[in-house]
Amino acid sequence: MDNATVGSTAILSTNLTSFVYEDLIFHIQAIQRKMIEITKYLHDQWNNNKKVREELKSRSITFVDPYGNSVTKKYMNHELISTLFKQYKKNYVPKYLQNWVKIGTISGNVISQLNNSELKSSVSNYSDGYRFITYGELNILIEFREDIPRQEYVLPVLLTDSIEKIKMRIQNLRKLSDIELKSFILNKDSSTN
């Protein structure tokens, strides 16, 4: 037993009803470290031992890069989607796009972003052959006149979308008959005037 465990045990034994925040943090960190060790061990076994690979449950997951190219790999059921996406971005998405790219799904022409619970879910929650796409977001400001406050929208787009396709999607947002697109670049700390 290390000193932190001994100290917290002494506190708990004198007053069982008191809540020891530091002890809770210590135990959570220990559990997190153990989970990382187990995941690394399973990953090593998966890569090095064909018999283990056949015994562990896995599924094929497809990621589509910003240019429309598909990459399909087998992943273990316990792996988290957020971890897979980070690895995918690192290995397959150009560096200049990595901060811009998000993960989602597409049905028809509608792109849906994964929410936090979906990102934290495991591979086992998705069917074999499930397909994720990478996309970016455009911030759209619609201004009718200077005396009317502008309306802001976030439009999910594929890197391969043409300007015409983006214009059509903007028109569908507000049922606009005639639009003019202007481009400007914002730094993270800037605001529009």
N, C-alpha and C. Protein backbone atom coordinates (compact mmCIF):
# COMPACT_ATOMS: atom_id res chain seq x y z
N MET A 1 0.85 -1.19 0.00
CA MET A 1 0.00 0.00 0.00
C MET A 1 0.88 1.24 0.00
N ASP A 2 0.53 2.21 -0.84
CA ASP A 2 1.31 3.43 -0.83
C ASP A 2 0.74 4.39 0.22
N ASN A 3 1.46 5.51 0.44
CA ASN A 3 1.09 6.45 1.49
C ASN A 3 -0.29 7.06 1.28
N ALA A 4 -0.67 7.35 0.04
CA ALA A 4 -1.98 7.96 -0.22
C ALA A 4 -3.10 7.03 0.20
N THR A 5 -2.95 5.76 -0.08
CA THR A 5 -3.99 4.79 0.29
C THR A 5 -4.06 4.62 1.80
N VAL A 6 -2.89 4.55 2.45
CA VAL A 6 -2.85 4.40 3.91
C VAL A 6 -3.50 5.60 4.57
N GLY A 7 -3.16 6.82 4.10
CA GLY A 7 -3.72 8.04 4.68
C GLY A 7 -5.22 8.09 4.53
N SER A 8 -5.72 7.75 3.35
CA SER A 8 -7.16 7.82 3.13
C SER A 8 -7.89 6.72 3.90
N THR A 9 -7.25 5.58 4.08
CA THR A 9 -7.86 4.49 4.85
C THR A 9 -8.01 4.90 6.30
N ALA A 10 -7.00 5.58 6.83
CA ALA A 10 -7.06 6.04 8.22
C ALA A 10 -8.20 7.04 8.40
N ILE A 11 -8.38 7.93 7.45
CA ILE A 11 -9.46 8.91 7.54
C ILE A 11 -10.81 8.21 7.48
N LEU A 12 -10.96 7.27 6.58
CA LEU A 12 -12.23 6.57 6.42
C LEU A 12 -12.58 5.74 7.65
N SER A 13 -11.57 5.14 8.28
CA SER A 13 -11.87 4.28 9.43
C SER A 13 -12.31 5.09 10.64
N THR A 14 -11.89 6.35 10.78
CA THR A 14 -12.30 7.15 11.93
C THR A 14 -13.69 7.75 11.74
N ASN A 15 -14.04 8.06 10.49
CA ASN A 15 -15.35 8.65 10.24
C ASN A 15 -15.89 8.12 8.93
N LEU A 16 -16.68 7.08 8.99
CA LEU A 16 -17.16 6.42 7.78
C LEU A 16 -18.17 7.25 7.00
N THR A 17 -18.77 8.25 7.61
CA THR A 17 -19.77 9.03 6.90
C THR A 17 -19.17 10.23 6.18
N SER A 18 -17.93 10.57 6.44
CA SER A 18 -17.34 11.75 5.79
C SER A 18 -16.95 11.41 4.35
N PHE A 19 -17.03 12.39 3.52
CA PHE A 19 -16.70 12.25 2.10
C PHE A 19 -15.30 12.81 1.89
N VAL A 20 -14.42 11.99 1.38
CA VAL A 20 -13.04 12.42 1.17
C VAL A 20 -12.83 12.60 -0.33
N TYR A 21 -12.84 13.84 -0.75
CA TYR A 21 -12.74 14.19 -2.16
C TYR A 21 -11.42 13.72 -2.76
N GLU A 22 -10.32 13.95 -2.05
CA GLU A 22 -9.00 13.56 -2.55
C GLU A 22 -8.92 12.05 -2.76
N ASP A 23 -9.53 11.30 -1.86
CA ASP A 23 -9.53 9.85 -1.98
C ASP A 23 -10.30 9.42 -3.23
N LEU A 24 -11.40 10.07 -3.49
CA LEU A 24 -12.20 9.76 -4.68
C LEU A 24 -11.39 10.03 -5.95
N ILE A 25 -10.73 11.17 -6.00
CA ILE A 25 -9.90 11.51 -7.16
C ILE A 25 -8.79 10.49 -7.34
N PHE A 26 -8.15 10.11 -6.24
CA PHE A 26 -7.07 9.12 -6.30
C PHE A 26 -7.58 7.81 -6.90
N HIS A 27 -8.74 7.35 -6.46
CA HIS A 27 -9.29 6.09 -6.96
C HIS A 27 -9.72 6.19 -8.42
N ILE A 28 -10.28 7.31 -8.80
CA ILE A 28 -10.67 7.51 -10.20
C ILE A 28 -9.44 7.48 -11.10
N GLN A 29 -8.38 8.16 -10.68
CA GLN A 29 -7.14 8.16 -11.47
C GLN A 29 -6.54 6.76 -11.56
N ALA A 30 -6.62 6.00 -10.48
CA ALA A 30 -6.11 4.62 -10.50
C ALA A 30 -6.92 3.77 -11.48
N ILE A 31 -8.23 3.95 -11.48
CA ILE A 31 -9.08 3.21 -12.41
C ILE A 31 -8.77 3.60 -13.84
N GLN A 32 -8.59 4.90 -14.09
CA GLN A 32 -8.26 5.36 -15.45
C GLN A 32 -6.94 4.79 -15.92
N ARG A 33 -5.94 4.76 -15.04
CA ARG A 33 -4.64 4.19 -15.42
C ARG A 33 -4.78 2.70 -15.75
N LYS A 34 -5.57 1.99 -14.94
CA LYS A 34 -5.78 0.56 -15.17
C LYS A 34 -6.50 0.33 -16.49
N MET A 35 -7.48 1.16 -16.81
CA MET A 35 -8.19 1.03 -18.08
C MET A 35 -7.26 1.26 -19.26
N ILE A 36 -6.36 2.21 -19.15
CA ILE A 36 -5.38 2.47 -20.21
C ILE A 36 -4.46 1.27 -20.38
N GLU A 37 -4.00 0.70 -19.25
CA GLU A 37 -3.14 -0.49 -19.31
C GLU A 37 -3.86 -1.67 -19.97
N ILE A 38 -5.10 -1.90 -19.59
CA ILE A 38 -5.86 -3.02 -20.16
C ILE A 38 -6.10 -2.81 -21.65
N THR A 39 -6.45 -1.59 -22.03
CA THR A 39 -6.68 -1.29 -23.45
C THR A 39 -5.41 -1.50 -24.24
N LYS A 40 -4.28 -1.05 -23.71
CA LYS A 40 -2.99 -1.24 -24.40
C LYS A 40 -2.67 -2.73 -24.52
N TYR A 41 -2.90 -3.48 -23.45
CA TYR A 41 -2.65 -4.92 -23.48
C TYR A 41 -3.51 -5.60 -24.55
N LEU A 42 -4.81 -5.29 -24.56
CA LEU A 42 -5.70 -5.88 -25.56
C LEU A 42 -5.29 -5.50 -26.98
N HIS A 43 -4.90 -4.24 -27.15
CA HIS A 43 -4.47 -3.78 -28.47
C HIS A 43 -3.21 -4.52 -28.92
N ASP A 44 -2.26 -4.71 -28.01
CA ASP A 44 -1.04 -5.46 -28.34
C ASP A 44 -1.38 -6.91 -28.69
N GLN A 45 -2.26 -7.53 -27.91
CA GLN A 45 -2.66 -8.91 -28.20
C GLN A 45 -3.37 -8.99 -29.55
N TRP A 46 -4.20 -8.02 -29.84
CA TRP A 46 -4.93 -7.96 -31.11
C TRP A 46 -3.96 -7.90 -32.29
N ASN A 47 -2.92 -7.09 -32.14
CA ASN A 47 -1.95 -6.92 -33.23
C ASN A 47 -0.99 -8.09 -33.38
N ASN A 48 -0.66 -8.77 -32.29
CA ASN A 48 0.41 -9.77 -32.31
C ASN A 48 -0.06 -11.22 -32.26
N ASN A 49 -1.31 -11.47 -31.92
CA ASN A 49 -1.75 -12.84 -31.71
C ASN A 49 -3.03 -13.10 -32.51
N LYS A 50 -2.90 -13.88 -33.57
CA LYS A 50 -4.03 -14.15 -34.46
C LYS A 50 -5.17 -14.87 -33.73
N LYS A 51 -4.82 -15.79 -32.81
CA LYS A 51 -5.84 -16.53 -32.07
C LYS A 51 -6.68 -15.58 -31.21
N VAL A 52 -6.01 -14.65 -30.54
CA VAL A 52 -6.72 -13.67 -29.71
C VAL A 52 -7.61 -12.80 -30.60
N ARG A 53 -7.11 -12.43 -31.76
CA ARG A 53 -7.86 -11.59 -32.70
C ARG A 53 -9.19 -12.26 -33.08
N GLU A 54 -9.14 -13.58 -33.24
CA GLU A 54 -10.36 -14.31 -33.60
C GLU A 54 -11.32 -14.44 -32.42
N GLU A 55 -10.78 -14.45 -31.19
CA GLU A 55 -11.62 -14.61 -30.00
C GLU A 55 -12.30 -13.31 -29.58
N LEU A 56 -11.62 -12.18 -29.77
CA LEU A 56 -12.19 -10.90 -29.37
C LEU A 56 -13.25 -10.46 -30.37
N LYS A 57 -14.35 -9.96 -29.86
CA LYS A 57 -15.40 -9.48 -30.75
C LYS A 57 -14.96 -8.17 -31.40
N SER A 58 -15.25 -8.07 -32.69
CA SER A 58 -14.85 -6.87 -33.43
C SER A 58 -15.85 -6.60 -34.55
N ARG A 59 -15.73 -5.44 -35.13
CA ARG A 59 -16.59 -5.03 -36.24
C ARG A 59 -15.79 -4.19 -37.22
N SER A 60 -16.26 -4.19 -38.45
CA SER A 60 -15.67 -3.32 -39.47
C SER A 60 -16.35 -1.96 -39.38
N ILE A 61 -15.55 -0.93 -39.37
CA ILE A 61 -16.05 0.44 -39.37
C ILE A 61 -15.38 1.16 -40.55
N THR A 62 -16.16 1.95 -41.28
CA THR A 62 -15.64 2.70 -42.41
C THR A 62 -15.62 4.18 -42.08
N PHE A 63 -14.49 4.83 -42.36
CA PHE A 63 -14.36 6.27 -42.25
C PHE A 63 -14.15 6.82 -43.66
N VAL A 64 -14.84 7.89 -43.99
CA VAL A 64 -14.69 8.54 -45.29
C VAL A 64 -13.96 9.85 -45.05
N ASP A 65 -12.81 10.03 -45.72
CA ASP A 65 -11.99 11.22 -45.50
C ASP A 65 -12.61 12.44 -46.19
N PRO A 66 -12.04 13.63 -45.96
CA PRO A 66 -12.62 14.86 -46.52
C PRO A 66 -12.70 14.87 -48.05
N TYR A 67 -11.93 14.03 -48.71
CA TYR A 67 -11.94 13.98 -50.17
C TYR A 67 -12.86 12.90 -50.72
N GLY A 68 -13.52 12.14 -49.85
CA GLY A 68 -14.45 11.10 -50.29
C GLY A 68 -13.86 9.71 -50.34
N ASN A 69 -12.60 9.54 -49.95
CA ASN A 69 -11.97 8.21 -49.95
C ASN A 69 -12.36 7.44 -48.69
N SER A 70 -12.68 6.16 -48.86
CA SER A 70 -13.10 5.31 -47.73
C SER A 70 -11.95 4.48 -47.20
N VAL A 71 -11.92 4.32 -45.88
CA VAL A 71 -10.96 3.44 -45.22
C VAL A 71 -11.78 2.56 -44.28
N THR A 72 -11.71 1.24 -44.49
CA THR A 72 -12.44 0.29 -43.66
C THR A 72 -11.44 -0.56 -42.89
N LYS A 73 -11.63 -0.63 -41.56
CA LYS A 73 -10.76 -1.44 -40.71
C LYS A 73 -11.61 -2.15 -39.68
N LYS A 74 -11.06 -3.22 -39.12
CA LYS A 74 -11.72 -3.93 -38.02
C LYS A 74 -11.26 -3.30 -36.70
N TYR A 75 -12.21 -3.10 -35.81
CA TYR A 75 -11.92 -2.55 -34.49
C TYR A 75 -12.57 -3.43 -33.44
N MET A 76 -11.93 -3.50 -32.28
CA MET A 76 -12.48 -4.29 -31.17
C MET A 76 -13.72 -3.59 -30.62
N ASN A 77 -14.67 -4.37 -30.15
CA ASN A 77 -15.95 -3.83 -29.67
C ASN A 77 -15.82 -2.82 -28.54
N HIS A 78 -14.79 -2.94 -27.71
CA HIS A 78 -14.67 -2.06 -26.55
C HIS A 78 -14.07 -0.70 -26.90
N GLU A 79 -13.52 -0.54 -28.10
CA GLU A 79 -12.86 0.72 -28.46
C GLU A 79 -13.88 1.84 -28.60
N LEU A 80 -13.48 3.04 -28.18
CA LEU A 80 -14.37 4.20 -28.22
C LEU A 80 -14.28 4.89 -29.58
N ILE A 81 -15.42 5.38 -30.05
CA ILE A 81 -15.47 6.07 -31.34
C ILE A 81 -14.58 7.31 -31.32
N SER A 82 -14.56 8.05 -30.22
CA SER A 82 -13.72 9.26 -30.15
C SER A 82 -12.24 8.92 -30.31
N THR A 83 -11.80 7.82 -29.72
CA THR A 83 -10.40 7.40 -29.84
C THR A 83 -10.09 7.00 -31.28
N LEU A 84 -11.00 6.26 -31.90
CA LEU A 84 -10.80 5.86 -33.30
C LEU A 84 -10.72 7.08 -34.20
N PHE A 85 -11.59 8.06 -33.94
CA PHE A 85 -11.59 9.26 -34.78
C PHE A 85 -10.30 10.05 -34.63
N LYS A 86 -9.79 10.16 -33.41
CA LYS A 86 -8.51 10.85 -33.20
C LYS A 86 -7.39 10.16 -33.97
N GLN A 87 -7.35 8.83 -33.89
CA GLN A 87 -6.33 8.06 -34.63
C GLN A 87 -6.52 8.24 -36.13
N TYR A 88 -7.76 8.19 -36.58
CA TYR A 88 -8.06 8.34 -38.00
C TYR A 88 -7.60 9.71 -38.50
N LYS A 89 -7.95 10.77 -37.76
CA LYS A 89 -7.54 12.12 -38.16
C LYS A 89 -6.02 12.22 -38.26
N LYS A 90 -5.35 11.66 -37.27
CA LYS A 90 -3.88 11.72 -37.23
C LYS A 90 -3.27 11.01 -38.44
N ASN A 91 -3.83 9.86 -38.82
CA ASN A 91 -3.24 9.04 -39.87
C ASN A 91 -3.72 9.36 -41.28
N TYR A 92 -4.93 9.88 -41.44
CA TYR A 92 -5.51 9.99 -42.77
C TYR A 92 -5.92 11.40 -43.20
N VAL A 93 -6.03 12.33 -42.27
CA VAL A 93 -6.47 13.68 -42.62
C VAL A 93 -5.25 14.60 -42.67
N PRO A 94 -5.11 15.39 -43.75
CA PRO A 94 -3.97 16.30 -43.83
C PRO A 94 -3.93 17.25 -42.63
N LYS A 95 -2.73 17.59 -42.19
CA LYS A 95 -2.55 18.42 -40.99
C LYS A 95 -3.32 19.74 -41.07
N TYR A 96 -3.33 20.36 -42.25
CA TYR A 96 -3.99 21.66 -42.37
C TYR A 96 -5.52 21.56 -42.23
N LEU A 97 -6.08 20.37 -42.29
CA LEU A 97 -7.53 20.18 -42.12
C LEU A 97 -7.91 19.60 -40.76
N GLN A 98 -6.94 19.15 -39.98
CA GLN A 98 -7.25 18.41 -38.75
C GLN A 98 -8.07 19.21 -37.74
N ASN A 99 -7.83 20.52 -37.62
CA ASN A 99 -8.61 21.32 -36.67
C ASN A 99 -10.02 21.60 -37.17
N TRP A 100 -10.21 21.56 -38.47
CA TRP A 100 -11.49 21.89 -39.09
C TRP A 100 -12.42 20.69 -39.18
N VAL A 101 -11.86 19.51 -39.34
CA VAL A 101 -12.64 18.30 -39.62
C VAL A 101 -13.37 17.80 -38.38
N LYS A 102 -14.62 17.40 -38.59
CA LYS A 102 -15.45 16.80 -37.55
C LYS A 102 -15.93 15.44 -38.05
N ILE A 103 -16.53 14.66 -37.17
CA ILE A 103 -17.03 13.33 -37.56
C ILE A 103 -18.55 13.32 -37.45
N GLY A 104 -19.16 12.62 -38.40
CA GLY A 104 -20.61 12.53 -38.39
C GLY A 104 -21.09 11.40 -39.27
N THR A 105 -22.37 11.46 -39.59
CA THR A 105 -22.98 10.49 -40.50
C THR A 105 -23.72 11.28 -41.57
N ILE A 106 -24.02 10.62 -42.66
CA ILE A 106 -24.77 11.27 -43.73
C ILE A 106 -25.90 10.34 -44.16
N SER A 107 -27.07 10.93 -44.33
CA SER A 107 -28.23 10.19 -44.81
C SER A 107 -28.87 11.06 -45.88
N GLY A 108 -28.86 10.57 -47.11
CA GLY A 108 -29.29 11.41 -48.22
C GLY A 108 -28.25 12.51 -48.39
N ASN A 109 -28.68 13.76 -48.29
CA ASN A 109 -27.75 14.89 -48.34
C ASN A 109 -27.62 15.57 -46.99
N VAL A 110 -28.16 14.96 -45.94
CA VAL A 110 -28.16 15.58 -44.62
C VAL A 110 -27.01 15.02 -43.78
N ILE A 111 -26.13 15.93 -43.36
CA ILE A 111 -24.99 15.56 -42.51
C ILE A 111 -25.39 15.77 -41.06
N SER A 112 -25.16 14.76 -40.23
CA SER A 112 -25.47 14.86 -38.80
C SER A 112 -24.19 14.69 -38.00
N GLN A 113 -23.95 15.64 -37.10
CA GLN A 113 -22.78 15.58 -36.23
C GLN A 113 -23.03 14.56 -35.12
N LEU A 114 -21.97 13.86 -34.70
CA LEU A 114 -22.09 12.97 -33.55
C LEU A 114 -22.10 13.82 -32.29
N ASN A 115 -22.99 13.50 -31.36
CA ASN A 115 -23.02 14.22 -30.10
C ASN A 115 -22.02 13.58 -29.13
N ASN A 116 -21.89 14.15 -27.94
CA ASN A 116 -20.90 13.66 -26.97
C ASN A 116 -21.13 12.21 -26.58
N SER A 117 -22.38 11.82 -26.36
CA SER A 117 -22.63 10.43 -25.95
C SER A 117 -22.30 9.47 -27.08
N GLU A 118 -22.53 9.87 -28.33
CA GLU A 118 -22.18 9.01 -29.47
C GLU A 118 -20.66 8.90 -29.61
N LEU A 119 -19.95 10.01 -29.37
CA LEU A 119 -18.48 9.97 -29.44
C LEU A 119 -17.90 9.09 -28.34
N LYS A 120 -18.53 9.08 -27.17
CA LYS A 120 -18.03 8.28 -26.05
C LYS A 120 -18.52 6.84 -26.09
N SER A 121 -19.36 6.52 -27.06
CA SER A 121 -19.86 5.15 -27.16
C SER A 121 -18.80 4.23 -27.76
N SER A 122 -19.00 2.95 -27.60
CA SER A 122 -18.02 1.98 -28.11
C SER A 122 -18.44 1.46 -29.47
N VAL A 123 -17.52 0.78 -30.12
CA VAL A 123 -17.75 0.20 -31.44
C VAL A 123 -18.94 -0.76 -31.40
N SER A 124 -19.14 -1.42 -30.27
CA SER A 124 -20.22 -2.41 -30.16
C SER A 124 -21.61 -1.80 -30.36
N ASN A 125 -21.74 -0.48 -30.23
CA ASN A 125 -23.03 0.18 -30.43
C ASN A 125 -23.40 0.34 -31.90
N TYR A 126 -22.47 0.04 -32.80
CA TYR A 126 -22.71 0.25 -34.23
C TYR A 126 -22.67 -1.09 -34.96
N SER A 127 -23.43 -1.18 -36.03
CA SER A 127 -23.48 -2.42 -36.80
C SER A 127 -22.19 -2.61 -37.59
N ASP A 128 -21.92 -3.85 -37.95
CA ASP A 128 -20.75 -4.17 -38.76
C ASP A 128 -20.86 -3.43 -40.09
N GLY A 129 -19.79 -2.74 -40.48
CA GLY A 129 -19.79 -1.99 -41.73
C GLY A 129 -20.33 -0.58 -41.61
N TYR A 130 -20.56 -0.10 -40.38
CA TYR A 130 -21.09 1.25 -40.19
C TYR A 130 -20.16 2.27 -40.83
N ARG A 131 -20.73 3.35 -41.33
CA ARG A 131 -19.96 4.34 -42.10
C ARG A 131 -20.04 5.71 -41.44
N PHE A 132 -18.87 6.27 -41.13
CA PHE A 132 -18.76 7.63 -40.62
C PHE A 132 -18.14 8.50 -41.70
N ILE A 133 -18.51 9.77 -41.70
CA ILE A 133 -17.90 10.70 -42.65
C ILE A 133 -17.18 11.80 -41.88
N THR A 134 -16.23 12.41 -42.56
CA THR A 134 -15.59 13.60 -42.01
C THR A 134 -16.12 14.79 -42.80
N TYR A 135 -16.35 15.87 -42.12
CA TYR A 135 -16.91 17.06 -42.75
C TYR A 135 -16.40 18.28 -42.00
N GLY A 136 -16.72 19.45 -42.52
CA GLY A 136 -16.37 20.69 -41.85
C GLY A 136 -17.62 21.53 -41.65
N GLU A 137 -17.46 22.60 -40.91
CA GLU A 137 -18.60 23.48 -40.66
C GLU A 137 -18.29 24.87 -41.19
N LEU A 138 -19.26 25.44 -41.91
CA LEU A 138 -19.17 26.82 -42.37
C LEU A 138 -20.10 27.66 -41.51
N ASN A 139 -19.58 28.78 -41.04
CA ASN A 139 -20.42 29.72 -40.30
C ASN A 139 -21.05 30.66 -41.32
N ILE A 140 -22.37 30.69 -41.35
CA ILE A 140 -23.12 31.48 -42.31
C ILE A 140 -23.80 32.62 -41.57
N LEU A 141 -23.61 33.84 -42.07
CA LEU A 141 -24.31 35.01 -41.54
C LEU A 141 -25.23 35.51 -42.64
N ILE A 142 -26.51 35.58 -42.37
CA ILE A 142 -27.47 36.07 -43.36
C ILE A 142 -27.93 37.45 -42.91
N GLU A 143 -27.73 38.42 -43.81
CA GLU A 143 -28.09 39.80 -43.52
C GLU A 143 -29.04 40.29 -44.61
N PHE A 144 -30.23 40.72 -44.21
CA PHE A 144 -31.20 41.23 -45.16
C PHE A 144 -31.00 42.72 -45.39
N ARG A 145 -30.92 43.46 -44.29
CA ARG A 145 -30.66 44.90 -44.33
C ARG A 145 -29.83 45.24 -43.10
N GLU A 146 -29.24 46.41 -43.13
CA GLU A 146 -28.38 46.80 -42.01
C GLU A 146 -29.16 47.04 -40.72
N ASP A 147 -30.43 47.41 -40.82
CA ASP A 147 -31.22 47.71 -39.62
C ASP A 147 -31.83 46.45 -38.98
N ILE A 148 -31.70 45.30 -39.64
CA ILE A 148 -32.21 44.03 -39.10
C ILE A 148 -31.01 43.19 -38.66
N PRO A 149 -31.06 42.67 -37.43
CA PRO A 149 -29.91 41.85 -36.98
C PRO A 149 -29.70 40.64 -37.91
N ARG A 150 -28.46 40.35 -38.14
CA ARG A 150 -28.16 39.21 -39.01
C ARG A 150 -28.42 37.90 -38.29
N GLN A 151 -28.68 36.88 -39.08
CA GLN A 151 -28.95 35.56 -38.54
C GLN A 151 -27.73 34.68 -38.78
N GLU A 152 -27.38 33.91 -37.76
CA GLU A 152 -26.20 33.05 -37.86
C GLU A 152 -26.63 31.59 -37.93
N TYR A 153 -25.96 30.84 -38.82
CA TYR A 153 -26.18 29.41 -38.98
C TYR A 153 -24.84 28.72 -39.08
N VAL A 154 -24.82 27.46 -38.70
CA VAL A 154 -23.65 26.62 -38.93
C VAL A 154 -24.08 25.56 -39.93
N LEU A 155 -23.39 25.52 -41.06
CA LEU A 155 -23.75 24.62 -42.14
C LEU A 155 -22.69 23.53 -42.26
N PRO A 156 -23.05 22.26 -42.02
CA PRO A 156 -22.08 21.18 -42.21
C PRO A 156 -21.88 20.93 -43.71
N VAL A 157 -20.62 20.88 -44.15
CA VAL A 157 -20.32 20.70 -45.57
C VAL A 157 -19.20 19.68 -45.74
N LEU A 158 -19.24 19.04 -46.88
CA LEU A 158 -18.14 18.16 -47.27
C LEU A 158 -17.10 19.00 -47.99
N LEU A 159 -15.87 18.60 -47.92
CA LEU A 159 -14.80 19.34 -48.58
C LEU A 159 -15.01 19.36 -50.09
N THR A 160 -15.65 18.35 -50.61
CA THR A 160 -15.87 18.24 -52.06
C THR A 160 -17.14 18.95 -52.53
N ASP A 161 -17.90 19.57 -51.62
CA ASP A 161 -19.11 20.30 -52.03
C ASP A 161 -18.74 21.50 -52.88
N SER A 162 -19.48 21.71 -53.95
CA SER A 162 -19.25 22.87 -54.82
C SER A 162 -19.94 24.10 -54.23
N ILE A 163 -19.57 25.28 -54.72
CA ILE A 163 -20.19 26.52 -54.28
C ILE A 163 -21.69 26.49 -54.60
N GLU A 164 -22.05 25.94 -55.77
CA GLU A 164 -23.46 25.85 -56.14
C GLU A 164 -24.24 25.00 -55.14
N LYS A 165 -23.67 23.89 -54.74
CA LYS A 165 -24.35 23.01 -53.77
C LYS A 165 -24.50 23.72 -52.42
N ILE A 166 -23.47 24.44 -52.01
CA ILE A 166 -23.54 25.19 -50.74
C ILE A 166 -24.60 26.28 -50.85
N LYS A 167 -24.65 26.99 -51.99
CA LYS A 167 -25.67 28.03 -52.19
C LYS A 167 -27.08 27.43 -52.10
N MET A 168 -27.28 26.26 -52.70
CA MET A 168 -28.60 25.62 -52.65
C MET A 168 -28.97 25.27 -51.21
N ARG A 169 -28.01 24.79 -50.44
CA ARG A 169 -28.29 24.43 -49.05
C ARG A 169 -28.59 25.67 -48.21
N ILE A 170 -27.90 26.78 -48.50
CA ILE A 170 -28.19 28.03 -47.79
C ILE A 170 -29.59 28.51 -48.15
N GLN A 171 -29.94 28.42 -49.43
CA GLN A 171 -31.28 28.83 -49.85
C GLN A 171 -32.35 27.97 -49.17
N ASN A 172 -32.06 26.71 -48.96
CA ASN A 172 -33.01 25.82 -48.28
C ASN A 172 -33.15 26.15 -46.80
N LEU A 173 -32.09 26.73 -46.21
CA LEU A 173 -32.16 27.11 -44.80
C LEU A 173 -33.26 28.14 -44.56
N ARG A 174 -33.30 29.13 -45.42
CA ARG A 174 -34.21 30.26 -45.21
C ARG A 174 -35.18 30.49 -46.36
N LYS A 175 -35.22 29.58 -47.31
CA LYS A 175 -36.10 29.74 -48.48
C LYS A 175 -35.84 31.10 -49.15
N LEU A 176 -34.57 31.33 -49.42
CA LEU A 176 -34.17 32.58 -50.07
C LEU A 176 -34.17 32.40 -51.58
N SER A 177 -34.64 33.40 -52.30
CA SER A 177 -34.69 33.28 -53.76
C SER A 177 -33.39 33.75 -54.41
N ASP A 178 -32.74 34.74 -53.83
CA ASP A 178 -31.54 35.29 -54.44
C ASP A 178 -30.52 35.55 -53.33
N ILE A 179 -29.34 34.98 -53.47
CA ILE A 179 -28.31 35.21 -52.46
C ILE A 179 -27.00 35.60 -53.12
N GLU A 180 -26.20 36.31 -52.35
CA GLU A 180 -24.86 36.69 -52.77
C GLU A 180 -23.91 36.20 -51.68
N LEU A 181 -22.89 35.45 -52.06
CA LEU A 181 -21.94 34.93 -51.09
C LEU A 181 -20.73 35.85 -51.00
N LYS A 182 -20.34 36.15 -49.79
CA LYS A 182 -19.11 36.89 -49.54
C LYS A 182 -18.30 36.07 -48.55
N SER A 183 -17.01 36.08 -48.72
CA SER A 183 -16.15 35.27 -47.87
C SER A 183 -15.31 36.18 -46.98
N PHE A 184 -15.12 35.77 -45.75
CA PHE A 184 -14.17 36.42 -44.86
C PHE A 184 -13.64 35.38 -43.90
N ILE A 185 -12.45 35.64 -43.40
CA ILE A 185 -11.79 34.70 -42.50
C ILE A 185 -11.68 35.35 -41.13
N LEU A 186 -12.07 34.60 -40.12
CA LEU A 186 -11.98 35.07 -38.74
C LEU A 186 -10.88 34.32 -38.01
N ASN A 187 -10.15 35.04 -37.20
CA ASN A 187 -9.27 34.37 -36.25
C ASN A 187 -10.13 33.92 -35.08
N LYS A 188 -9.62 33.00 -34.28
CA LYS A 188 -10.40 32.47 -33.17
C LYS A 188 -10.84 33.57 -32.19
N ASP A 189 -10.02 34.60 -32.01
CA ASP A 189 -10.32 35.65 -31.04
C ASP A 189 -11.08 36.82 -31.64
N SER A 190 -11.34 36.80 -32.94
CA SER A 190 -12.00 37.92 -33.62
C SER A 190 -13.50 37.81 -33.51
N SER A 191 -14.15 38.94 -33.73
CA SER A 191 -15.61 38.94 -33.84
C SER A 191 -15.98 39.72 -35.10
N THR A 192 -17.18 39.49 -35.61
CA THR A 192 -17.60 40.19 -36.82
C THR A 192 -18.15 41.55 -36.47
N ASN A 193 -17.98 42.49 -37.37
CA ASN A 193 -18.51 43.85 -37.19
C ASN A 193 -19.57 44.13 -38.23
